[in-house]
Amino acid sequence: MDAVCMVMTAVGSEAAAEMLAQQLVEARLAACVQVMPVKSFYVWQGKSRKEAEFLLLIKTRAALYAQVEAFIITRHPYETPEILQVPVSAGANAYLQWLGAATLGAGDQAL
């Protein structure tokens, strides 16, 4: 089984999160995307901020990370989006096999 990872990003609306999640799954760049509301506290352009956002947890193969990142960047509404790759060190074998089958394999093209 190829290495898997989780990619995280956040957007400012539920509609934007759902659209991006659906596009990632339909393009087979993600096997599953979970969306959850969060509150983010950060400093941006010298100002302290607190914002409601929607966090996307994107389950994919590590080999697809560069494609996932490029896909998010072209569709993300933020000037500097959070895009973080988190390696997965272990998981249930059946789930990992499903994840591999649900994402692009070698030679496949993203939609």
PDB file of N, CA and C in Angstrom:
ATOM      1  N   MET A   1       0.847  -1.194   0.000  1.00  0.00           N
ATOM      2  CA  MET A   1       0.000   0.000   0.000  1.00  0.00           C
ATOM      3  C   MET A   1       0.879   1.239   0.000  1.00  0.00           C
ATOM      4  N   ASP A   2       0.538   2.183  -0.854  1.00  0.00           N
ATOM      5  CA  ASP A   2       1.242   3.462  -0.887  1.00  0.00           C
ATOM      6  C   ASP A   2       1.037   4.205   0.432  1.00  0.00           C
ATOM      7  N   ALA A   3       1.967   5.087   0.745  1.00  0.00           N
ATOM      8  CA  ALA A   3       1.833   5.928   1.930  1.00  0.00           C
ATOM      9  C   ALA A   3       0.614   6.822   1.782  1.00  0.00           C
ATOM     10  N   VAL A   4      -0.074   7.033   2.872  1.00  0.00           N
ATOM     11  CA  VAL A   4      -1.236   7.914   2.863  1.00  0.00           C
ATOM     12  C   VAL A   4      -0.963   9.110   3.755  1.00  0.00           C
ATOM     13  N   CYS A   5      -1.763  10.147   3.557  1.00  0.00           N
ATOM     14  CA  CYS A   5      -1.617  11.343   4.368  1.00  0.00           C
ATOM     15  C   CYS A   5      -2.971  12.016   4.506  1.00  0.00           C
ATOM     16  N   MET A   6      -3.006  12.993   5.378  1.00  0.00           N
ATOM     17  CA  MET A   6      -4.172  13.850   5.498  1.00  0.00           C
ATOM     18  C   MET A   6      -3.703  15.262   5.175  1.00  0.00           C
ATOM     19  N   VAL A   7      -4.471  15.956   4.358  1.00  0.00           N
ATOM     20  CA  VAL A   7      -4.173  17.341   4.029  1.00  0.00           C
ATOM     21  C   VAL A   7      -5.249  18.189   4.680  1.00  0.00           C
ATOM     22  N   MET A   8      -4.827  19.274   5.325  1.00  0.00           N
ATOM     23  CA  MET A   8      -5.781  20.158   5.990  1.00  0.00           C
ATOM     24  C   MET A   8      -5.782  21.515   5.317  1.00  0.00           C
ATOM     25  N   THR A   9      -6.977  22.066   5.173  1.00  0.00           N
ATOM     26  CA  THR A   9      -7.154  23.435   4.740  1.00  0.00           C
ATOM     27  C   THR A   9      -8.428  23.953   5.384  1.00  0.00           C
ATOM     28  N   ALA A  10      -8.606  25.262   5.392  1.00  0.00           N
ATOM     29  CA  ALA A  10      -9.813  25.857   5.971  1.00  0.00           C
ATOM     30  C   ALA A  10     -10.296  26.967   5.057  1.00  0.00           C
ATOM     31  N   VAL A  11     -11.611  27.121   4.986  1.00  0.00           N
ATOM     32  CA  VAL A  11     -12.238  28.189   4.204  1.00  0.00           C
ATOM     33  C   VAL A  11     -13.273  28.889   5.076  1.00  0.00           C
ATOM     34  N   GLY A  12     -13.762  30.031   4.596  1.00  0.00           N
ATOM     35  CA  GLY A  12     -14.620  30.876   5.410  1.00  0.00           C
ATOM     36  C   GLY A  12     -16.099  30.575   5.380  1.00  0.00           C
ATOM     37  N   SER A  13     -16.535  29.661   4.526  1.00  0.00           N
ATOM     38  CA  SER A  13     -17.971  29.360   4.494  1.00  0.00           C
ATOM     39  C   SER A  13     -18.203  27.863   4.293  1.00  0.00           C
ATOM     40  N   GLU A  14     -19.340  27.410   4.780  1.00  0.00           N
ATOM     41  CA  GLU A  14     -19.696  26.002   4.621  1.00  0.00           C
ATOM     42  C   GLU A  14     -19.887  25.661   3.145  1.00  0.00           C
ATOM     43  N   ALA A  15     -20.484  26.571   2.392  1.00  0.00           N
ATOM     44  CA  ALA A  15     -20.704  26.325   0.966  1.00  0.00           C
ATOM     45  C   ALA A  15     -19.374  26.143   0.232  1.00  0.00           C
ATOM     46  N   ALA A  16     -18.387  26.998   0.535  1.00  0.00           N
ATOM     47  CA  ALA A  16     -17.070  26.875  -0.101  1.00  0.00           C
ATOM     48  C   ALA A  16     -16.397  25.564   0.294  1.00  0.00           C
ATOM     49  N   ALA A  17     -16.544  25.172   1.556  1.00  0.00           N
ATOM     50  CA  ALA A  17     -15.956  23.924   2.036  1.00  0.00           C
ATOM     51  C   ALA A  17     -16.584  22.726   1.338  1.00  0.00           C
ATOM     52  N   GLU A  18     -17.901  22.723   1.243  1.00  0.00           N
ATOM     53  CA  GLU A  18     -18.588  21.609   0.597  1.00  0.00           C
ATOM     54  C   GLU A  18     -18.230  21.514  -0.883  1.00  0.00           C
ATOM     55  N   MET A  19     -18.125  22.653  -1.549  1.00  0.00           N
ATOM     56  CA  MET A  19     -17.782  22.645  -2.963  1.00  0.00           C
ATOM     57  C   MET A  19     -16.374  22.095  -3.178  1.00  0.00           C
ATOM     58  N   LEU A  20     -15.415  22.563  -2.382  1.00  0.00           N
ATOM     59  CA  LEU A  20     -14.047  22.096  -2.520  1.00  0.00           C
ATOM     60  C   LEU A  20     -13.937  20.613  -2.184  1.00  0.00           C
ATOM     61  N   ALA A  21     -14.624  20.182  -1.139  1.00  0.00           N
ATOM     62  CA  ALA A  21     -14.613  18.764  -0.755  1.00  0.00           C
ATOM     63  C   ALA A  21     -15.152  17.897  -1.886  1.00  0.00           C
ATOM     64  N   GLN A  22     -16.275  18.285  -2.444  1.00  0.00           N
ATOM     65  CA  GLN A  22     -16.891  17.519  -3.528  1.00  0.00           C
ATOM     66  C   GLN A  22     -15.974  17.470  -4.751  1.00  0.00           C
ATOM     67  N   GLN A  23     -15.364  18.590  -5.085  1.00  0.00           N
ATOM     68  CA  GLN A  23     -14.467  18.639  -6.247  1.00  0.00           C
ATOM     69  C   GLN A  23     -13.251  17.732  -6.051  1.00  0.00           C
ATOM     70  N   LEU A  24     -12.687  17.721  -4.852  1.00  0.00           N
ATOM     71  CA  LEU A  24     -11.533  16.867  -4.576  1.00  0.00           C
ATOM     72  C   LEU A  24     -11.876  15.392  -4.705  1.00  0.00           C
ATOM     73  N   VAL A  25     -13.044  15.000  -4.192  1.00  0.00           N
ATOM     74  CA  VAL A  25     -13.470  13.598  -4.279  1.00  0.00           C
ATOM     75  C   VAL A  25     -13.797  13.234  -5.725  1.00  0.00           C
ATOM     76  N   GLU A  26     -14.512  14.099  -6.425  1.00  0.00           N
ATOM     77  CA  GLU A  26     -14.868  13.806  -7.819  1.00  0.00           C
ATOM     78  C   GLU A  26     -13.638  13.713  -8.716  1.00  0.00           C
ATOM     79  N   ALA A  27     -12.590  14.479  -8.418  1.00  0.00           N
ATOM     80  CA  ALA A  27     -11.350  14.429  -9.187  1.00  0.00           C
ATOM     81  C   ALA A  27     -10.478  13.238  -8.775  1.00  0.00           C
ATOM     82  N   ARG A  28     -10.928  12.489  -7.768  1.00  0.00           N
ATOM     83  CA  ARG A  28     -10.224  11.335  -7.216  1.00  0.00           C
ATOM     84  C   ARG A  28      -8.873  11.712  -6.616  1.00  0.00           C
ATOM     85  N   LEU A  29      -8.761  12.972  -6.191  1.00  0.00           N
ATOM     86  CA  LEU A  29      -7.573  13.407  -5.462  1.00  0.00           C
ATOM     87  C   LEU A  29      -7.715  13.121  -3.977  1.00  0.00           C
ATOM     88  N   ALA A  30      -8.922  12.840  -3.537  1.00  0.00           N
ATOM     89  CA  ALA A  30      -9.196  12.483  -2.143  1.00  0.00           C
ATOM     90  C   ALA A  30     -10.187  11.332  -2.122  1.00  0.00           C
ATOM     91  N   ALA A  31      -9.979  10.429  -1.187  1.00  0.00           N
ATOM     92  CA  ALA A  31     -10.938   9.344  -0.995  1.00  0.00           C
ATOM     93  C   ALA A  31     -12.100   9.825  -0.142  1.00  0.00           C
ATOM     94  N   CYS A  32     -11.804  10.731   0.777  1.00  0.00           N
ATOM     95  CA  CYS A  32     -12.796  11.222   1.721  1.00  0.00           C
ATOM     96  C   CYS A  32     -12.359  12.604   2.186  1.00  0.00           C
ATOM     97  N   VAL A  33     -13.323  13.487   2.355  1.00  0.00           N
ATOM     98  CA  VAL A  33     -13.047  14.802   2.937  1.00  0.00           C
ATOM     99  C   VAL A  33     -14.087  15.048   4.021  1.00  0.00           C
ATOM    100  N   GLN A  34     -13.625  15.313   5.210  1.00  0.00           N
ATOM    101  CA  GLN A  34     -14.522  15.665   6.300  1.00  0.00           C
ATOM    102  C   GLN A  34     -14.487  17.176   6.474  1.00  0.00           C
ATOM    103  N   VAL A  35     -15.649  17.759   6.726  1.00  0.00           N
ATOM    104  CA  VAL A  35     -15.783  19.208   6.899  1.00  0.00           C
ATOM    105  C   VAL A  35     -16.359  19.466   8.286  1.00  0.00           C
ATOM    106  N   MET A  36     -15.716  20.362   9.018  1.00  0.00           N
ATOM    107  CA  MET A  36     -16.224  20.686  10.352  1.00  0.00           C
ATOM    108  C   MET A  36     -16.030  22.161  10.660  1.00  0.00           C
ATOM    109  N   PRO A  37     -16.990  22.743  11.387  1.00  0.00           N
ATOM    110  CA  PRO A  37     -16.836  24.149  11.775  1.00  0.00           C
ATOM    111  C   PRO A  37     -15.796  24.290  12.876  1.00  0.00           C
ATOM    112  N   VAL A  38     -14.995  25.347  12.774  1.00  0.00           N
ATOM    113  CA  VAL A  38     -13.975  25.634  13.791  1.00  0.00           C
ATOM    114  C   VAL A  38     -13.897  27.141  14.003  1.00  0.00           C
ATOM    115  N   LYS A  39     -13.267  27.547  15.087  1.00  0.00           N
ATOM    116  CA  LYS A  39     -12.910  28.950  15.301  1.00  0.00           C
ATOM    117  C   LYS A  39     -11.404  29.040  15.212  1.00  0.00           C
ATOM    118  N   SER A  40     -10.931  29.947  14.389  1.00  0.00           N
ATOM    119  CA  SER A  40      -9.490  30.114  14.210  1.00  0.00           C
ATOM    120  C   SER A  40      -9.045  31.435  14.811  1.00  0.00           C
ATOM    121  N   PHE A  41      -7.958  31.390  15.566  1.00  0.00           N
ATOM    122  CA  PHE A  41      -7.346  32.560  16.173  1.00  0.00           C
ATOM    123  C   PHE A  41      -5.955  32.686  15.564  1.00  0.00           C
ATOM    124  N   TYR A  42      -5.645  33.865  14.999  1.00  0.00           N
ATOM    125  CA  TYR A  42      -4.360  34.037  14.326  1.00  0.00           C
ATOM    126  C   TYR A  42      -4.057  35.521  14.146  1.00  0.00           C
ATOM    127  N   VAL A  43      -2.842  35.801  13.747  1.00  0.00           N
ATOM    128  CA  VAL A  43      -2.447  37.166  13.403  1.00  0.00           C
ATOM    129  C   VAL A  43      -2.231  37.199  11.900  1.00  0.00           C
ATOM    130  N   TRP A  44      -2.904  38.130  11.228  1.00  0.00           N
ATOM    131  CA  TRP A  44      -2.770  38.297   9.780  1.00  0.00           C
ATOM    132  C   TRP A  44      -2.565  39.771   9.469  1.00  0.00           C
ATOM    133  N   GLN A  45      -1.503  40.057   8.759  1.00  0.00           N
ATOM    134  CA  GLN A  45      -1.157  41.418   8.367  1.00  0.00           C
ATOM    135  C   GLN A  45      -1.142  42.360   9.577  1.00  0.00           C
ATOM    136  N   GLY A  46      -0.546  41.850  10.674  1.00  0.00           N
ATOM    137  CA  GLY A  46      -0.344  42.649  11.867  1.00  0.00           C
ATOM    138  C   GLY A  46      -1.543  42.781  12.784  1.00  0.00           C
ATOM    139  N   LYS A  47      -2.661  42.152  12.437  1.00  0.00           N
ATOM    140  CA  LYS A  47      -3.867  42.262  13.264  1.00  0.00           C
ATOM    141  C   LYS A  47      -4.252  40.897  13.829  1.00  0.00           C
ATOM    142  N   SER A  48      -4.618  40.907  15.111  1.00  0.00           N
ATOM    143  CA  SER A  48      -5.118  39.704  15.749  1.00  0.00           C
ATOM    144  C   SER A  48      -6.538  39.435  15.261  1.00  0.00           C
ATOM    145  N   ARG A  49      -6.804  38.193  14.891  1.00  0.00           N
ATOM    146  CA  ARG A  49      -8.105  37.853  14.317  1.00  0.00           C
ATOM    147  C   ARG A  49      -8.706  36.626  15.000  1.00  0.00           C
ATOM    148  N   LYS A  50     -10.024  36.579  14.970  1.00  0.00           N
ATOM    149  CA  LYS A  50     -10.796  35.407  15.397  1.00  0.00           C
ATOM    150  C   LYS A  50     -11.878  35.239  14.345  1.00  0.00           C
ATOM    151  N   GLU A  51     -11.880  34.105  13.667  1.00  0.00           N
ATOM    152  CA  GLU A  51     -12.812  33.878  12.560  1.00  0.00           C
ATOM    153  C   GLU A  51     -13.467  32.507  12.665  1.00  0.00           C
ATOM    154  N   ALA A  52     -14.713  32.449  12.265  1.00  0.00           N
ATOM    155  CA  ALA A  52     -15.371  31.161  12.067  1.00  0.00           C
ATOM    156  C   ALA A  52     -14.910  30.642  10.706  1.00  0.00           C
ATOM    157  N   GLU A  53     -14.485  29.403  10.667  1.00  0.00           N
ATOM    158  CA  GLU A  53     -14.049  28.777   9.420  1.00  0.00           C
ATOM    159  C   GLU A  53     -14.575  27.351   9.370  1.00  0.00           C
ATOM    160  N   PHE A  54     -14.374  26.732   8.223  1.00  0.00           N
ATOM    161  CA  PHE A  54     -14.709  25.330   8.042  1.00  0.00           C
ATOM    162  C   PHE A  54     -13.444  24.591   7.650  1.00  0.00           C
ATOM    163  N   LEU A  55     -13.052  23.636   8.493  1.00  0.00           N
ATOM    164  CA  LEU A  55     -11.829  22.866   8.324  1.00  0.00           C
ATOM    165  C   LEU A  55     -12.122  21.646   7.459  1.00  0.00           C
ATOM    166  N   LEU A  56     -11.285  21.434   6.450  1.00  0.00           N
ATOM    167  CA  LEU A  56     -11.385  20.253   5.606  1.00  0.00           C
ATOM    168  C   LEU A  56     -10.254  19.309   5.964  1.00  0.00           C
ATOM    169  N   LEU A  57     -10.593  18.069   6.275  1.00  0.00           N
ATOM    170  CA  LEU A  57      -9.622  17.002   6.510  1.00  0.00           C
ATOM    171  C   LEU A  57      -9.689  16.089   5.295  1.00  0.00           C
ATOM    172  N   ILE A  58      -8.664  16.157   4.487  1.00  0.00           N
ATOM    173  CA  ILE A  58      -8.642  15.504   3.180  1.00  0.00           C
ATOM    174  C   ILE A  58      -7.775  14.252   3.272  1.00  0.00           C
ATOM    175  N   LYS A  59      -8.368  13.079   3.052  1.00  0.00           N
ATOM    176  CA  LYS A  59      -7.631  11.815   3.118  1.00  0.00           C
ATOM    177  C   LYS A  59      -7.212  11.437   1.704  1.00  0.00           C
ATOM    178  N   THR A  60      -5.899  11.238   1.514  1.00  0.00           N
ATOM    179  CA  THR A  60      -5.379  10.963   0.186  1.00  0.00           C
ATOM    180  C   THR A  60      -4.094  10.160   0.284  1.00  0.00           C
ATOM    181  N   ARG A  61      -3.512   9.857  -0.862  1.00  0.00           N
ATOM    182  CA  ARG A  61      -2.206   9.197  -0.902  1.00  0.00           C
ATOM    183  C   ARG A  61      -1.125  10.268  -0.919  1.00  0.00           C
ATOM    184  N   ALA A  62      -0.031  10.022  -0.222  1.00  0.00           N
ATOM    185  CA  ALA A  62       1.063  10.988  -0.147  1.00  0.00           C
ATOM    186  C   ALA A  62       1.589  11.338  -1.541  1.00  0.00           C
ATOM    187  N   ALA A  63       1.569  10.400  -2.461  1.00  0.00           N
ATOM    188  CA  ALA A  63       2.048  10.644  -3.819  1.00  0.00           C
ATOM    189  C   ALA A  63       1.203  11.687  -4.552  1.00  0.00           C
ATOM    190  N   LEU A  64      -0.009  11.943  -4.072  1.00  0.00           N
ATOM    191  CA  LEU A  64      -0.901  12.913  -4.716  1.00  0.00           C
ATOM    192  C   LEU A  64      -0.822  14.295  -4.075  1.00  0.00           C
ATOM    193  N   TYR A  65       0.022  14.462  -3.044  1.00  0.00           N
ATOM    194  CA  TYR A  65       0.029  15.730  -2.321  1.00  0.00           C
ATOM    195  C   TYR A  65       0.231  16.937  -3.237  1.00  0.00           C
ATOM    196  N   ALA A  66       1.193  16.904  -4.125  1.00  0.00           N
ATOM    197  CA  ALA A  66       1.471  18.070  -4.979  1.00  0.00           C
ATOM    198  C   ALA A  66       0.250  18.421  -5.829  1.00  0.00           C
ATOM    199  N   GLN A  67      -0.457  17.410  -6.332  1.00  0.00           N
ATOM    200  CA  GLN A  67      -1.662  17.660  -7.124  1.00  0.00           C
ATOM    201  C   GLN A  67      -2.778  18.236  -6.259  1.00  0.00           C
ATOM    202  N   VAL A  68      -2.916  17.708  -5.044  1.00  0.00           N
ATOM    203  CA  VAL A  68      -3.934  18.221  -4.122  1.00  0.00           C
ATOM    204  C   VAL A  68      -3.636  19.675  -3.790  1.00  0.00           C
ATOM    205  N   GLU A  69      -2.387  19.985  -3.485  1.00  0.00           N
ATOM    206  CA  GLU A  69      -2.006  21.357  -3.158  1.00  0.00           C
ATOM    207  C   GLU A  69      -2.322  22.301  -4.324  1.00  0.00           C
ATOM    208  N   ALA A  70      -1.915  21.927  -5.524  1.00  0.00           N
ATOM    209  CA  ALA A  70      -2.169  22.771  -6.703  1.00  0.00           C
ATOM    210  C   ALA A  70      -3.670  22.945  -6.932  1.00  0.00           C
ATOM    211  N   PHE A  71      -4.436  21.884  -6.749  1.00  0.00           N
ATOM    212  CA  PHE A  71      -5.888  21.915  -6.919  1.00  0.00           C
ATOM    213  C   PHE A  71      -6.512  22.899  -5.940  1.00  0.00           C
ATOM    214  N   ILE A  72      -6.086  22.827  -4.673  1.00  0.00           N
ATOM    215  CA  ILE A  72      -6.624  23.724  -3.651  1.00  0.00           C
ATOM    216  C   ILE A  72      -6.261  25.166  -3.968  1.00  0.00           C
ATOM    217  N   ILE A  73      -5.006  25.414  -4.296  1.00  0.00           N
ATOM    218  CA  ILE A  73      -4.550  26.786  -4.554  1.00  0.00           C
ATOM    219  C   ILE A  73      -5.368  27.445  -5.659  1.00  0.00           C
ATOM    220  N   THR A  74      -5.678  26.715  -6.716  1.00  0.00           N
ATOM    221  CA  THR A  74      -6.412  27.323  -7.837  1.00  0.00           C
ATOM    222  C   THR A  74      -7.875  27.599  -7.515  1.00  0.00           C
ATOM    223  N   ARG A  75      -8.395  26.987  -6.449  1.00  0.00           N
ATOM    224  CA  ARG A  75      -9.815  27.134  -6.116  1.00  0.00           C
ATOM    225  C   ARG A  75     -10.072  27.827  -4.783  1.00  0.00           C
ATOM    226  N   HIS A  76      -9.029  28.086  -4.027  1.00  0.00           N
ATOM    227  CA  HIS A  76      -9.176  28.600  -2.662  1.00  0.00           C
ATOM    228  C   HIS A  76      -9.414  30.102  -2.676  1.00  0.00           C
ATOM    229  N   PRO A  77     -10.351  30.593  -1.854  1.00  0.00           N
ATOM    230  CA  PRO A  77     -10.649  32.027  -1.847  1.00  0.00           C
ATOM    231  C   PRO A  77      -9.638  32.887  -1.082  1.00  0.00           C
ATOM    232  N   TYR A  78      -8.763  32.280  -0.286  1.00  0.00           N
ATOM    233  CA  TYR A  78      -7.830  33.060   0.538  1.00  0.00           C
ATOM    234  C   TYR A  78      -6.570  33.420  -0.249  1.00  0.00           C
ATOM    235  N   GLU A  79      -5.989  34.554   0.111  1.00  0.00           N
ATOM    236  CA  GLU A  79      -4.726  34.993  -0.478  1.00  0.00           C
ATOM    237  C   GLU A  79      -3.597  34.001  -0.155  1.00  0.00           C
ATOM    238  N   THR A  80      -3.557  33.556   1.094  1.00  0.00           N
ATOM    239  CA  THR A  80      -2.551  32.594   1.544  1.00  0.00           C
ATOM    240  C   THR A  80      -3.262  31.476   2.306  1.00  0.00           C
ATOM    241  N   PRO A  81      -3.735  30.460   1.592  1.00  0.00           N
ATOM    242  CA  PRO A  81      -4.482  29.410   2.283  1.00  0.00           C
ATOM    243  C   PRO A  81      -3.586  28.493   3.115  1.00  0.00           C
ATOM    244  N   GLU A  82      -4.153  28.036   4.210  1.00  0.00           N
ATOM    245  CA  GLU A  82      -3.511  26.972   4.991  1.00  0.00           C
ATOM    246  C   GLU A  82      -3.615  25.700   4.160  1.00  0.00           C
ATOM    247  N   ILE A  83      -2.474  25.088   3.893  1.00  0.00           N
ATOM    248  CA  ILE A  83      -2.450  23.772   3.263  1.00  0.00           C
ATOM    249  C   ILE A  83      -1.330  23.010   3.951  1.00  0.00           C
ATOM    250  N   LEU A  84      -1.713  22.035   4.762  1.00  0.00           N
ATOM    251  CA  LEU A  84      -0.744  21.265   5.532  1.00  0.00           C
ATOM    252  C   LEU A  84      -0.904  19.781   5.244  1.00  0.00           C
ATOM    253  N   GLN A  85       0.209  19.111   5.051  1.00  0.00           N
ATOM    254  CA  GLN A  85       0.205  17.665   4.880  1.00  0.00           C
ATOM    255  C   GLN A  85       0.589  17.029   6.208  1.00  0.00           C
ATOM    256  N   VAL A  86      -0.228  16.087   6.657  1.00  0.00           N
ATOM    257  CA  VAL A  86       0.037  15.353   7.890  1.00  0.00           C
ATOM    258  C   VAL A  86       0.227  13.890   7.521  1.00  0.00           C
ATOM    259  N   PRO A  87       1.409  13.334   7.757  1.00  0.00           N
ATOM    260  CA  PRO A  87       1.621  11.927   7.410  1.00  0.00           C
ATOM    261  C   PRO A  87       0.777  11.013   8.298  1.00  0.00           C
ATOM    262  N   VAL A  88       0.373   9.901   7.746  1.00  0.00           N
ATOM    263  CA  VAL A  88      -0.365   8.881   8.493  1.00  0.00           C
ATOM    264  C   VAL A  88       0.598   7.715   8.699  1.00  0.00           C
ATOM    265  N   SER A  89       0.884   7.392   9.944  1.00  0.00           N
ATOM    266  CA  SER A  89       1.862   6.338  10.223  1.00  0.00           C
ATOM    267  C   SER A  89       1.235   4.946  10.261  1.00  0.00           C
ATOM    268  N   ALA A  90      -0.072   4.875  10.474  1.00  0.00           N
ATOM    269  CA  ALA A  90      -0.746   3.577  10.526  1.00  0.00           C
ATOM    270  C   ALA A  90      -2.239   3.793  10.364  1.00  0.00           C
ATOM    271  N   GLY A  91      -2.938   2.723  10.009  1.00  0.00           N
ATOM    272  CA  GLY A  91      -4.385   2.773   9.876  1.00  0.00           C
ATOM    273  C   GLY A  91      -4.929   1.369   9.637  1.00  0.00           C
ATOM    274  N   ALA A  92      -6.230   1.239   9.728  1.00  0.00           N
ATOM    275  CA  ALA A  92      -6.874  -0.054   9.490  1.00  0.00           C
ATOM    276  C   ALA A  92      -6.610  -0.479   8.046  1.00  0.00           C
ATOM    277  N   ASN A  93      -6.139  -1.683   7.853  1.00  0.00           N
ATOM    278  CA  ASN A  93      -5.758  -2.176   6.539  1.00  0.00           C
ATOM    279  C   ASN A  93      -6.878  -2.035   5.516  1.00  0.00           C
ATOM    280  N   ALA A  94      -8.088  -2.413   5.888  1.00  0.00           N
ATOM    281  CA  ALA A  94      -9.213  -2.337   4.940  1.00  0.00           C
ATOM    282  C   ALA A  94      -9.471  -0.888   4.530  1.00  0.00           C
ATOM    283  N   TYR A  95      -9.382   0.050   5.464  1.00  0.00           N
ATOM    284  CA  TYR A  95      -9.590   1.458   5.148  1.00  0.00           C
ATOM    285  C   TYR A  95      -8.490   1.961   4.218  1.00  0.00           C
ATOM    286  N   LEU A  96      -7.249   1.614   4.518  1.00  0.00           N
ATOM    287  CA  LEU A  96      -6.134   2.058   3.687  1.00  0.00           C
ATOM    288  C   LEU A  96      -6.245   1.494   2.269  1.00  0.00           C
ATOM    289  N   GLN A  97      -6.686   0.264   2.131  1.00  0.00           N
ATOM    290  CA  GLN A  97      -6.889  -0.319   0.798  1.00  0.00           C
ATOM    291  C   GLN A  97      -7.991   0.430   0.055  1.00  0.00           C
ATOM    292  N   TRP A  98      -9.099   0.729   0.745  1.00  0.00           N
ATOM    293  CA  TRP A  98     -10.177   1.492   0.123  1.00  0.00           C
ATOM    294  C   TRP A  98      -9.680   2.863  -0.314  1.00  0.00           C
ATOM    295  N   LEU A  99      -8.905   3.546   0.549  1.00  0.00           N
ATOM    296  CA  LEU A  99      -8.380   4.868   0.222  1.00  0.00           C
ATOM    297  C   LEU A  99      -7.535   4.809  -1.048  1.00  0.00           C
ATOM    298  N   GLY A 100      -6.693   3.813  -1.155  1.00  0.00           N
ATOM    299  CA  GLY A 100      -5.862   3.668  -2.343  1.00  0.00           C
ATOM    300  C   GLY A 100      -6.690   3.442  -3.597  1.00  0.00           C
ATOM    301  N   ALA A 101      -7.735   2.630  -3.473  1.00  0.00           N
ATOM    302  CA  ALA A 101      -8.601   2.344  -4.629  1.00  0.00           C
ATOM    303  C   ALA A 101      -9.464   3.531  -5.025  1.00  0.00           C
ATOM    304  N   ALA A 102      -9.781   4.395  -4.072  1.00  0.00           N
ATOM    305  CA  ALA A 102     -10.691   5.520  -4.331  1.00  0.00           C
ATOM    306  C   ALA A 102      -9.976   6.746  -4.879  1.00  0.00           C
ATOM    307  N   THR A 103      -8.642   6.723  -4.872  1.00  0.00           N
ATOM    308  CA  THR A 103      -7.873   7.872  -5.370  1.00  0.00           C
ATOM    309  C   THR A 103      -7.152   7.499  -6.660  1.00  0.00           C
ATOM    310  N   LEU A 104      -6.636   8.529  -7.329  1.00  0.00           N
ATOM    311  CA  LEU A 104      -5.932   8.328  -8.585  1.00  0.00           C
ATOM    312  C   LEU A 104      -4.763   7.372  -8.432  1.00  0.00           C
ATOM    313  N   GLY A 105      -4.625   6.475  -9.369  1.00  0.00           N
ATOM    314  CA  GLY A 105      -3.466   5.605  -9.392  1.00  0.00           C
ATOM    315  C   GLY A 105      -2.484   6.085 -10.446  1.00  0.00           C
ATOM    316  N   ALA A 106      -1.346   5.430 -10.536  1.00  0.00           N
ATOM    317  CA  ALA A 106      -0.348   5.794 -11.544  1.00  0.00           C
ATOM    318  C   ALA A 106      -0.981   5.742 -12.924  1.00  0.00           C
ATOM    319  N   GLY A 107      -0.782   6.779 -13.688  1.00  0.00           N
ATOM    320  CA  GLY A 107      -1.318   6.829 -15.045  1.00  0.00           C
ATOM    321  C   GLY A 107      -2.706   7.420 -15.147  1.00  0.00           C
ATOM    322  N   ASP A 108      -3.426   7.555 -14.028  1.00  0.00           N
ATOM    323  CA  ASP A 108      -4.740   8.180 -14.033  1.00  0.00           C
ATOM    324  C   ASP A 108      -4.580   9.689 -14.166  1.00  0.00           C
ATOM    325  N   GLN A 109      -5.592  10.351 -14.652  1.00  0.00           N
ATOM    326  CA  GLN A 109      -5.589  11.811 -14.782  1.00  0.00           C
ATOM    327  C   GLN A 109      -6.692  12.380 -13.906  1.00  0.00           C
ATOM    328  N   ALA A 110      -6.402  13.488 -13.226  1.00  0.00           N
ATOM    329  CA  ALA A 110      -7.422  14.191 -12.445  1.00  0.00           C
ATOM    330  C   ALA A 110      -8.452  14.782 -13.386  1.00  0.00           C
ATOM    331  N   LEU A 111      -9.685  14.874 -12.901  1.00  0.00           N
ATOM    332  CA  LEU A 111     -10.777  15.460 -13.718  1.00  0.00           C
ATOM    333  C   LEU A 111     -10.562  16.930 -13.938  1.00  0.00           C
TER     334      LEU A 111
END
